[in-house]
């Protein structure tokens, strides 16, 4: 398979598999890092079954690195190097160019042997879906495993809707790559795996040493979140560098500008969301905190940021229908601690954001509690439809599983007051996740150590297809 010179740096395996391992730009960056990791999604990626697959996720979460690791896996399994090709949508203008390129590449294959094409950041290509549909309909993709990636999550829905009957026979064709969960970060430490810890803790409880280690790692997670660049920064340098924070913020800014949005509106809206810190809000309320004239414009900007996986909009639950309550206020959270820290650094630049912004933010009890809550919400929304409850009081999370919802209250203060539990005490299946080292109960409600509960959540659900 001959590829254009523009794509050669990502297809070094065509010359030599050893050269690919040594010199591929993404694989090369992994060498020497204390933490690399192997994402669970790697084991779910297709190998045998031709079809059209999609991998979505926000900027800098490691989609390209995951795909390069998948290429390594394919090569190790005996797939001929010339039958694997990596293309980036940033270098392909439109659907005409894409059709011409893939026809040339796939037409060179003799017989019906399986081949693998990765089309990274496909949404950069104008009318990309028209090209893929055309190629599928003509039979050119019949023996091809085609992987499409994008940083706008709407493209996952577009793939489902626009290629019915063309996806192949695999049970799962669409994947959502999130930043590392707390469980993935815990397992990255290379000591005891989280499943073993959870199993023992459920039987015996946490020992003082285990509890201290678990809470230390969770507090560390609140600094770097699930972004490997930040995780390695902190491990190597003892802080997150300004450059690491800037890279993500500039990606965010660039993607917004590419969509024809205004940077000033973005700044004002993000500043308002930082100030709101996950509290209930409305489009009108956010509009009043900015110079944006109309609340629908605010909603549009939030939708775009949610599509980029930077924000999650958590609606109130309509209990009888297990759907969102459209007339009630929403909560809008940053989907990862690192995103929040990156946005704050971009809004108020400083030479030492780690010392001058991140550490003081986490030292503030109210801000820390809000960050913990949003981190827990983000973990639940990965696996379930996730709401909050607004009644006589508020319940932080109500996730829907089967035909029932389960209320979860997040309490990061050392003292749990019965008066704070006015609403959640109405439910017989409620749970409190708290800053406690031991399981217990309060007013008949189960109280669980919060970091341990996150490990349990992820281990119980990691075999489920990601929530797309």
Protein backbone atom coordinates (compact mmCIF):
# COMPACT_ATOMS: atom_id res chain seq x y z
CA UNK A 1 0.00 0.00 0.00
CA UNK A 2 1.65 3.24 -1.14
CA UNK A 3 0.72 6.36 0.82
CA UNK A 4 1.30 10.03 0.08
CA UNK A 5 4.55 11.50 1.46
CA UNK A 6 2.40 13.66 3.77
CA UNK A 7 1.29 10.56 5.66
CA UNK A 8 4.66 8.76 5.75
CA UNK A 9 5.67 9.85 9.30
CA UNK A 10 2.67 7.89 10.63
CA UNK A 11 3.21 4.85 8.41
CA UNK A 12 6.84 3.99 9.07
CA UNK A 13 5.86 0.33 9.50
CA UNK A 14 5.62 0.11 5.71
CA UNK A 15 9.42 0.46 5.63
CA UNK A 16 10.20 -1.41 8.83
CA UNK A 17 8.20 -2.51 11.86
CA UNK A 18 11.24 -1.80 14.00
CA UNK A 19 11.45 1.71 12.56
CA UNK A 20 7.77 2.24 13.42
CA UNK A 21 8.40 1.23 17.04
CA UNK A 22 11.46 3.48 17.30
CA UNK A 23 10.46 6.56 15.31
CA UNK A 24 6.69 6.94 15.13
CA UNK A 25 6.03 10.41 16.62
CA UNK A 26 3.42 9.17 19.09
CA UNK A 27 5.09 5.94 20.14
CA UNK A 28 8.40 7.76 20.54
CA UNK A 29 6.87 10.19 23.04
CA UNK A 30 5.79 7.31 25.24
CA UNK A 31 9.33 6.08 25.81
CA UNK A 32 10.86 7.29 29.00
CA UNK A 33 7.57 8.38 30.56
CA UNK A 34 6.89 6.95 34.02
CA UNK A 35 3.24 6.31 33.11
CA UNK A 36 2.06 5.07 29.74
CA UNK A 37 -0.87 2.78 30.35
CA UNK A 38 -2.90 0.50 28.16
CA UNK A 39 -6.47 1.70 27.88
CA UNK A 40 -9.19 -0.95 28.36
CA UNK A 41 -10.70 0.19 25.07
CA UNK A 42 -7.69 -1.29 23.28
CA UNK A 43 -8.98 -4.80 23.98
CA UNK A 44 -12.39 -3.89 22.52
CA UNK A 45 -11.03 -2.57 19.23
CA UNK A 46 -11.98 -4.68 16.18
CA UNK A 47 -9.49 -7.13 14.73
CA UNK A 48 -11.32 -9.75 12.70
CA UNK A 49 -14.59 -8.18 11.53
CA UNK A 50 -14.66 -5.67 8.63
CA UNK A 51 -16.91 -2.67 9.14
CA UNK A 52 -17.06 1.05 9.84
CA UNK A 53 -16.11 1.88 13.43
CA UNK A 54 -15.86 5.19 15.26
CA UNK A 55 -13.81 6.38 18.23
CA UNK A 56 -14.85 9.70 19.75
CA UNK A 57 -13.41 11.71 22.62
CA UNK A 58 -12.15 15.13 23.60
CA UNK A 59 -8.84 16.69 22.71
CA UNK A 60 -5.67 15.29 24.27
CA UNK A 61 -7.35 12.19 25.76
CA UNK A 62 -5.08 9.90 23.74
CA UNK A 63 -7.16 8.78 20.75
CA UNK A 64 -4.21 8.86 18.33
CA UNK A 65 -1.90 7.15 20.80
CA UNK A 66 -4.53 4.46 21.35
CA UNK A 67 -4.72 3.86 17.61
CA UNK A 68 -0.94 3.66 17.28
CA UNK A 69 -0.92 1.07 20.08
CA UNK A 70 -3.66 -0.78 18.20
CA UNK A 71 -1.44 -0.77 15.10
CA UNK A 72 1.36 -2.29 17.20
CA UNK A 73 -1.08 -4.96 18.39
CA UNK A 74 -2.13 -5.75 14.81
CA UNK A 75 1.47 -6.04 13.66
CA UNK A 76 2.32 -8.31 16.59
CA UNK A 77 -0.63 -10.56 15.69
CA UNK A 78 0.78 -11.10 12.21
CA UNK A 79 -1.17 -8.60 10.12
CA UNK A 80 1.09 -7.64 7.17
CA UNK A 81 2.41 -4.10 7.59
CA UNK A 82 1.32 -3.00 4.11
CA UNK A 83 -2.31 -3.76 4.99
CA UNK A 84 -2.40 -1.17 7.78
CA UNK A 85 -2.52 2.54 6.98
CA UNK A 86 -2.96 5.64 9.10
CA UNK A 87 -4.39 8.84 7.59
CA UNK A 88 -5.16 12.16 9.24
CA UNK A 89 -8.16 14.22 8.21
CA UNK A 90 -6.22 17.43 8.77
CA UNK A 91 -4.45 16.82 5.45
CA UNK A 92 -7.52 15.86 3.37
CA UNK A 93 -9.61 18.73 2.00
CA UNK A 94 -13.00 17.24 1.16
CA UNK A 95 -14.98 14.10 0.34
CA UNK A 96 -13.77 14.09 -3.26
CA UNK A 97 -10.14 13.94 -2.11
CA UNK A 98 -11.02 11.26 0.44
CA UNK A 99 -12.76 9.05 -2.14
CA UNK A 100 -9.83 9.39 -4.54
CA UNK A 101 -7.30 8.61 -1.80
CA UNK A 102 -9.08 5.51 -0.46
CA UNK A 103 -9.89 4.19 -3.92
CA UNK A 104 -6.22 4.38 -4.77
CA UNK A 105 -5.11 2.74 -1.53
CA UNK A 106 -7.70 -0.03 -1.31
CA UNK A 107 -7.72 -0.71 -5.04
CA UNK A 108 -4.12 -1.85 -4.81
CA UNK A 109 -5.02 -4.83 -2.63
CA UNK A 110 -5.18 -8.19 -4.37
CA UNK A 111 -7.86 -10.67 -3.32
CA UNK A 112 -10.10 -10.31 -0.30
CA UNK A 113 -7.55 -10.33 2.52
CA UNK A 114 -8.52 -8.03 5.39
CA UNK A 115 -6.98 -4.55 5.57
CA UNK A 116 -7.08 -1.80 8.17
CA UNK A 117 -7.50 1.94 7.59
CA UNK A 118 -7.39 4.54 10.36
CA UNK A 119 -8.86 7.92 9.45
CA UNK A 120 -7.98 10.19 12.37
CA UNK A 121 -9.92 13.43 13.01
CA UNK A 122 -12.29 12.72 10.15
CA UNK A 123 -14.45 15.76 10.95
CA UNK A 124 -11.76 18.02 9.49
CA UNK A 125 -12.80 16.69 6.06
CA UNK A 126 -15.71 18.52 4.47
CA UNK A 127 -18.64 16.13 3.85
CA UNK A 128 -16.58 13.18 5.06
CA UNK A 129 -19.72 11.09 5.58
CA UNK A 130 -20.66 11.32 1.89
CA UNK A 131 -17.32 9.77 0.96
CA UNK A 132 -17.61 6.92 3.47
CA UNK A 133 -21.20 6.15 2.43
CA UNK A 134 -20.21 6.13 -1.25
CA UNK A 135 -17.26 3.82 -0.65
CA UNK A 136 -19.38 1.47 1.46
CA UNK A 137 -22.12 1.33 -1.17
CA UNK A 138 -19.66 0.53 -3.97
CA UNK A 139 -18.22 -2.39 -2.01
CA UNK A 140 -14.72 -0.93 -1.77
CA UNK A 141 -14.81 -1.28 2.04
CA UNK A 142 -16.02 -4.87 1.95
CA UNK A 143 -12.78 -6.30 3.36
CA UNK A 144 -11.76 -3.23 5.35
CA UNK A 145 -11.77 -2.42 9.05
CA UNK A 146 -12.24 1.36 8.83
CA UNK A 147 -11.66 3.31 12.05
CA UNK A 148 -12.94 6.90 12.12
CA UNK A 149 -12.04 9.27 14.96
CA UNK A 150 -13.25 12.71 15.89
CA UNK A 151 -13.12 15.20 18.75
CA UNK A 152 -16.71 16.33 18.20
CA UNK A 153 -18.93 13.70 19.79
CA UNK A 154 -21.80 14.47 17.43
CA UNK A 155 -19.89 12.59 14.77
CA UNK A 156 -20.53 9.37 16.73
CA UNK A 157 -24.26 9.92 16.37
CA UNK A 158 -23.83 10.83 12.73
CA UNK A 159 -22.01 7.57 12.11
CA UNK A 160 -24.83 5.58 13.70
CA UNK A 161 -27.52 7.37 11.70
CA UNK A 162 -25.83 7.70 8.31
CA UNK A 163 -24.41 4.23 7.84
CA UNK A 164 -27.24 1.84 8.73
CA UNK A 165 -26.50 -1.61 7.41
CA UNK A 166 -22.95 -0.60 6.53
CA UNK A 167 -21.28 -0.87 9.91
CA UNK A 168 -20.44 -4.58 9.85
CA UNK A 169 -21.55 -7.36 12.19
CA UNK A 170 -19.66 -6.40 15.37
CA UNK A 171 -21.71 -5.98 18.54
CA UNK A 172 -20.15 -2.58 19.22
CA UNK A 173 -19.14 -0.18 16.46
CA UNK A 174 -18.95 3.14 18.33
CA UNK A 175 -16.52 3.86 21.16
CA UNK A 176 -16.12 6.83 23.47
CA UNK A 177 -12.62 7.41 24.86
CA UNK A 178 -12.67 9.38 28.09
CA UNK A 179 -9.73 10.68 30.12
CA UNK A 180 -8.42 8.04 32.50
CA UNK A 181 -10.87 7.25 35.26
CA UNK A 182 -9.70 7.27 38.85
CA UNK A 183 -9.64 3.46 38.66
CA UNK A 184 -7.39 3.54 35.58
CA UNK A 185 -5.07 6.01 37.30
CA UNK A 186 -4.99 3.86 40.44
CA UNK A 187 -4.09 0.78 38.39
CA UNK A 188 -1.41 2.78 36.60
CA UNK A 189 0.55 2.97 39.86
CA UNK A 190 1.74 -0.61 39.35
CA UNK A 191 1.08 -1.81 42.90
CA UNK A 192 -2.00 -3.84 43.81
CA UNK A 193 -4.73 -3.64 41.17
CA UNK A 194 -7.97 -1.92 42.08
CA UNK A 195 -10.15 -5.01 41.65
CA UNK A 196 -8.17 -6.88 44.31
CA UNK A 197 -8.40 -3.90 46.66
CA UNK A 198 -12.15 -3.53 46.12
CA UNK A 199 -12.78 -7.24 46.67
CA UNK A 200 -10.83 -7.29 49.92
CA UNK A 201 -12.27 -3.98 51.17
CA UNK A 202 -15.82 -5.24 50.64
CA UNK A 203 -15.04 -8.20 52.87
CA UNK A 204 -12.74 -6.68 55.47
CA UNK A 205 -12.89 -2.91 55.06
CA UNK A 206 -9.91 -0.69 54.32
CA UNK A 207 -6.84 -0.94 56.51
CA UNK A 208 -5.40 2.41 57.71
CA UNK A 209 -2.50 2.06 55.25
CA UNK A 210 -4.82 1.24 52.34
CA UNK A 211 -7.12 4.14 53.18
CA UNK A 212 -4.23 6.59 53.43
CA UNK A 213 -2.86 5.46 50.05
CA UNK A 214 -6.28 5.52 48.38
CA UNK A 215 -7.17 9.01 49.55
CA UNK A 216 -3.69 10.31 48.70
CA UNK A 217 -4.08 9.10 45.14
CA UNK A 218 -7.58 10.53 44.85
CA UNK A 219 -6.36 13.93 46.03
CA UNK A 220 -3.62 13.65 43.41
CA UNK A 221 -6.24 12.80 40.77
CA UNK A 222 -7.98 16.09 41.60
CA UNK A 223 -4.79 17.84 40.43
CA UNK A 224 -4.13 16.14 37.09
CA UNK A 225 -7.38 14.34 36.34
CA UNK A 226 -7.23 11.66 33.69
CA UNK A 227 -4.80 13.33 31.26
CA UNK A 228 -1.56 11.41 30.89
CA UNK A 229 0.42 14.52 29.97
CA UNK A 230 -0.50 16.08 33.31
CA UNK A 231 -0.03 12.81 35.21
CA UNK A 232 3.50 12.46 33.87
CA UNK A 233 4.22 16.15 34.45
CA UNK A 234 3.38 15.82 38.12
CA UNK A 235 5.33 12.57 38.44
CA UNK A 236 8.48 13.93 36.78
CA UNK A 237 8.49 17.60 37.81
CA UNK A 238 6.32 17.69 40.94
CA UNK A 239 3.91 20.09 39.24
CA UNK A 240 1.86 20.58 36.09
CA UNK A 241 3.79 22.83 33.74
CA UNK A 242 2.27 25.96 32.17
CA UNK A 243 2.90 24.43 28.73
CA UNK A 244 0.82 21.33 29.51
CA UNK A 245 -2.10 23.47 30.65
CA UNK A 246 -1.73 25.80 27.66
CA UNK A 247 -1.77 23.01 25.06
CA UNK A 248 -5.25 21.89 26.07
CA UNK A 249 -6.62 25.44 26.39
CA UNK A 250 -5.33 26.35 22.94
CA UNK A 251 -6.92 23.27 21.41
CA UNK A 252 -10.21 24.30 23.03
CA UNK A 253 -9.89 27.87 21.80
CA UNK A 254 -8.88 26.76 18.31
CA UNK A 255 -11.78 24.36 17.95
CA UNK A 256 -14.23 27.05 19.03
CA UNK A 257 -12.82 29.56 16.53
CA UNK A 258 -12.89 26.93 13.79
CA UNK A 259 -16.63 26.68 14.34
CA UNK A 260 -17.06 30.40 13.76
CA UNK A 261 -17.54 31.28 17.43
CA UNK A 262 -16.20 34.35 19.23
CA UNK A 263 -13.26 34.05 21.62
CA UNK A 264 -14.59 36.81 23.87
CA UNK A 265 -17.88 34.97 24.37
CA UNK A 266 -15.96 31.79 25.11
CA UNK A 267 -13.87 33.53 27.76
CA UNK A 268 -16.86 35.14 29.44
CA UNK A 269 -18.88 31.93 29.45
CA UNK A 270 -16.04 29.82 30.84
CA UNK A 271 -15.41 32.42 33.54
CA UNK A 272 -19.10 32.25 34.49
CA UNK A 273 -19.02 28.45 34.62
CA UNK A 274 -15.90 28.47 36.81
CA UNK A 275 -17.70 30.85 39.15
CA UNK A 276 -20.85 28.70 39.17
CA UNK A 277 -18.75 25.64 40.14
CA UNK A 278 -21.41 23.08 39.30
CA UNK A 279 -24.33 24.91 40.92
CA UNK A 280 -27.78 24.90 39.37
CA UNK A 281 -28.05 27.47 36.62
CA UNK A 282 -30.12 28.52 33.62
CA UNK A 283 -29.25 29.88 30.20
CA UNK A 284 -30.74 33.24 31.23
CA UNK A 285 -28.62 33.32 34.39
CA UNK A 286 -25.42 32.58 32.48
CA UNK A 287 -26.33 35.18 29.87
CA UNK A 288 -26.70 37.81 32.60
CA UNK A 289 -23.13 37.06 33.74
CA UNK A 290 -21.71 37.78 30.27
CA UNK A 291 -22.06 40.28 27.45
CA UNK A 292 -23.85 37.64 25.37
CA UNK A 293 -27.16 39.14 24.33
CA UNK A 294 -29.33 36.08 24.05
CA UNK A 295 -29.68 33.00 26.22
CA UNK A 296 -29.91 30.81 23.12
CA UNK A 297 -26.38 31.85 22.20
CA UNK A 298 -25.23 30.71 25.64
CA UNK A 299 -26.97 27.38 25.10
CA UNK A 300 -25.28 27.05 21.70
CA UNK A 301 -21.79 27.63 23.14
CA UNK A 302 -22.41 25.16 25.96
CA UNK A 303 -23.65 22.58 23.47
CA UNK A 304 -20.49 22.94 21.38
CA UNK A 305 -18.27 22.57 24.47
CA UNK A 306 -20.26 19.51 25.52
CA UNK A 307 -19.80 18.03 22.04
CA UNK A 308 -16.07 18.56 22.55
CA UNK A 309 -16.32 16.62 25.86
CA UNK A 310 -15.11 19.63 27.83
CA UNK A 311 -18.45 20.12 29.62
CA UNK A 312 -21.26 17.87 30.77
CA UNK A 313 -24.77 19.26 31.14
CA UNK A 314 -26.49 17.47 34.03
CA UNK A 315 -30.27 17.95 33.92
CA UNK A 316 -32.73 17.50 36.76
CA UNK A 317 -34.53 14.16 36.88
CA UNK A 318 -38.22 13.77 36.16
CA UNK A 319 -38.72 10.85 38.49
CA UNK A 320 -41.88 9.32 37.04
CA UNK A 321 -40.49 9.12 33.49
CA UNK A 322 -36.78 8.69 34.28
CA UNK A 323 -35.99 11.50 31.86
CA UNK A 324 -34.79 15.09 32.19
CA UNK A 325 -37.07 17.76 33.63
CA UNK A 326 -36.93 20.39 30.86
CA UNK A 327 -38.20 23.32 32.93
CA UNK A 328 -35.77 22.92 35.80
CA UNK A 329 -32.31 24.43 36.02
CA UNK A 330 -29.27 22.45 34.90
CA UNK A 331 -25.87 21.84 36.36
CA UNK A 332 -22.91 22.33 34.03
CA UNK A 333 -19.63 20.75 35.03
CA UNK A 334 -16.14 20.52 33.60
CA UNK A 335 -15.65 16.87 32.75
CA UNK A 336 -12.20 16.49 34.28
CA UNK A 337 -10.17 18.30 36.96
CA UNK A 338 -7.41 18.98 34.44
CA UNK A 339 -9.85 20.77 32.12
CA UNK A 340 -10.95 23.05 34.95
CA UNK A 341 -7.35 23.85 35.89
CA UNK A 342 -6.43 24.43 32.24
CA UNK A 343 -9.37 26.79 31.69
CA UNK A 344 -8.58 28.77 34.85
CA UNK A 345 -4.96 29.09 33.77
CA UNK A 346 -6.05 30.36 30.34
CA UNK A 347 -8.51 32.87 31.78
CA UNK A 348 -5.99 34.30 34.26
CA UNK A 349 -2.46 33.62 32.99
CA UNK A 350 0.35 33.34 35.53
CA UNK A 351 3.93 32.11 35.30
CA UNK A 352 3.35 29.45 37.95
CA UNK A 353 -0.25 28.22 37.59
CA UNK A 354 0.40 25.12 39.69
CA UNK A 355 1.55 27.12 42.73
CA UNK A 356 -0.54 30.24 42.19
CA UNK A 357 -3.83 28.71 41.02
CA UNK A 358 -4.20 24.95 41.36
CA UNK A 359 -2.90 24.49 44.90
CA UNK A 360 -4.87 27.45 46.35
CA UNK A 361 -8.01 26.26 44.56
CA UNK A 362 -7.74 22.81 46.11
CA UNK A 363 -7.01 24.33 49.53
CA UNK A 364 -10.39 26.09 49.49
CA UNK A 365 -12.90 23.71 51.10
CA UNK A 366 -15.91 24.96 49.12
CA UNK A 367 -14.15 24.84 45.76
CA UNK A 368 -12.64 21.44 46.55
CA UNK A 369 -16.06 20.02 47.44
CA UNK A 370 -17.48 21.26 44.13
CA UNK A 371 -14.60 19.69 42.20
CA UNK A 372 -15.03 16.38 43.99
CA UNK A 373 -18.74 16.37 43.17
CA UNK A 374 -18.15 17.10 39.47
CA UNK A 375 -15.50 14.36 39.34
CA UNK A 376 -17.96 11.84 40.74
CA UNK A 377 -20.70 13.00 38.35
CA UNK A 378 -18.33 12.55 35.42
CA UNK A 379 -17.59 8.98 36.45
CA UNK A 380 -21.25 8.02 36.70
CA UNK A 381 -22.18 9.65 33.40
CA UNK A 382 -19.66 7.43 31.62
CA UNK A 383 -21.86 4.41 32.27
CA UNK A 384 -25.38 5.67 32.93
CA UNK A 385 -27.84 8.42 32.11
CA UNK A 386 -26.98 10.84 34.91
CA UNK A 387 -29.22 13.50 36.49
CA UNK A 388 -29.62 15.36 39.77
CA UNK A 389 -32.75 15.64 41.90
CA UNK A 390 -34.35 18.91 42.93
CA UNK A 391 -37.17 18.56 45.45
CA UNK A 392 -37.40 19.77 49.02
CA UNK A 393 -33.65 19.47 48.92
CA UNK A 394 -31.10 18.47 46.33
CA UNK A 395 -29.51 15.13 45.53
CA UNK A 396 -26.23 15.39 43.65
CA UNK A 397 -26.64 12.38 41.37
CA UNK A 398 -29.51 10.19 40.22
CA UNK A 399 -28.33 7.61 37.72
CA UNK A 400 -30.72 5.39 35.82
CA UNK A 401 -30.07 1.66 35.66
CA UNK A 402 -32.70 -0.55 34.13
CA UNK A 403 -36.10 0.83 35.06
CA UNK A 404 -35.01 2.47 38.30
CA UNK A 405 -32.97 5.45 39.42
CA UNK A 406 -30.39 5.39 42.17
CA UNK A 407 -29.72 8.54 44.26
CA UNK A 408 -26.16 9.37 45.28
CA UNK A 409 -25.11 12.22 47.57
CA UNK A 410 -21.51 13.44 47.56
CA UNK A 411 -20.27 14.81 50.90
CA UNK A 412 -16.61 15.76 51.10
CA UNK A 413 -16.81 17.47 54.48
CA UNK A 414 -15.67 15.51 57.50
CA UNK A 415 -18.98 16.09 59.28
CA UNK A 416 -22.23 14.69 57.85
CA UNK A 417 -25.25 16.60 59.15
CA UNK A 418 -28.67 14.92 59.12
CA UNK A 419 -30.25 18.20 57.98
CA UNK A 420 -28.32 17.99 54.71
CA UNK A 421 -30.06 14.73 53.84
CA UNK A 422 -33.64 15.99 53.68
CA UNK A 423 -34.24 14.84 50.12
CA UNK A 424 -32.07 11.74 49.81
CA UNK A 425 -33.51 10.20 52.98
CA UNK A 426 -36.78 9.71 51.05
CA UNK A 427 -35.24 6.93 48.94
CA UNK A 428 -34.61 3.38 50.09
CA UNK A 429 -31.82 2.78 47.58
CA UNK A 430 -29.73 5.84 48.32
CA UNK A 431 -25.99 6.05 48.91
CA UNK A 432 -23.75 8.71 50.42
CA UNK A 433 -20.17 8.92 49.16
CA UNK A 434 -18.11 10.66 51.79
CA UNK A 435 -14.69 11.67 53.02
CA UNK A 436 -14.60 8.69 55.35
CA UNK A 437 -12.26 5.72 55.55
CA UNK A 438 -14.94 3.28 56.69
CA UNK A 439 -18.33 2.11 55.55
CA UNK A 440 -21.26 3.03 57.74
CA UNK A 441 -24.77 4.47 57.69
CA UNK A 442 -26.54 7.70 58.50
CA UNK A 443 -30.29 7.79 58.99
CA UNK A 444 -30.40 4.35 57.45
CA UNK A 445 -28.50 5.48 54.32
CA UNK A 446 -25.38 3.58 53.30
CA UNK A 447 -22.21 5.68 53.60
CA UNK A 448 -19.21 4.62 51.49
CA UNK A 449 -15.61 5.89 51.23
CA UNK A 450 -15.81 7.99 48.06
CA UNK A 451 -12.57 6.93 46.31
CA UNK A 452 -13.31 3.26 47.01
CA UNK A 453 -16.82 3.69 45.56
CA UNK A 454 -15.33 5.08 42.33
CA UNK A 455 -13.01 2.09 42.02
CA UNK A 456 -15.97 -0.20 42.54
CA UNK A 457 -18.12 1.69 40.01
CA UNK A 458 -15.49 1.47 37.29
CA UNK A 459 -14.60 -2.17 37.92
CA UNK A 460 -18.24 -3.22 37.85
CA UNK A 461 -18.94 -1.41 34.58
CA UNK A 462 -15.70 -1.40 32.58
CA UNK A 463 -16.90 -4.32 30.43
CA UNK A 464 -19.97 -2.32 29.38
CA UNK A 465 -19.74 -0.51 26.05
CA UNK A 466 -18.84 3.14 26.80
CA UNK A 467 -21.82 5.48 27.03
CA UNK A 468 -21.95 7.18 23.62
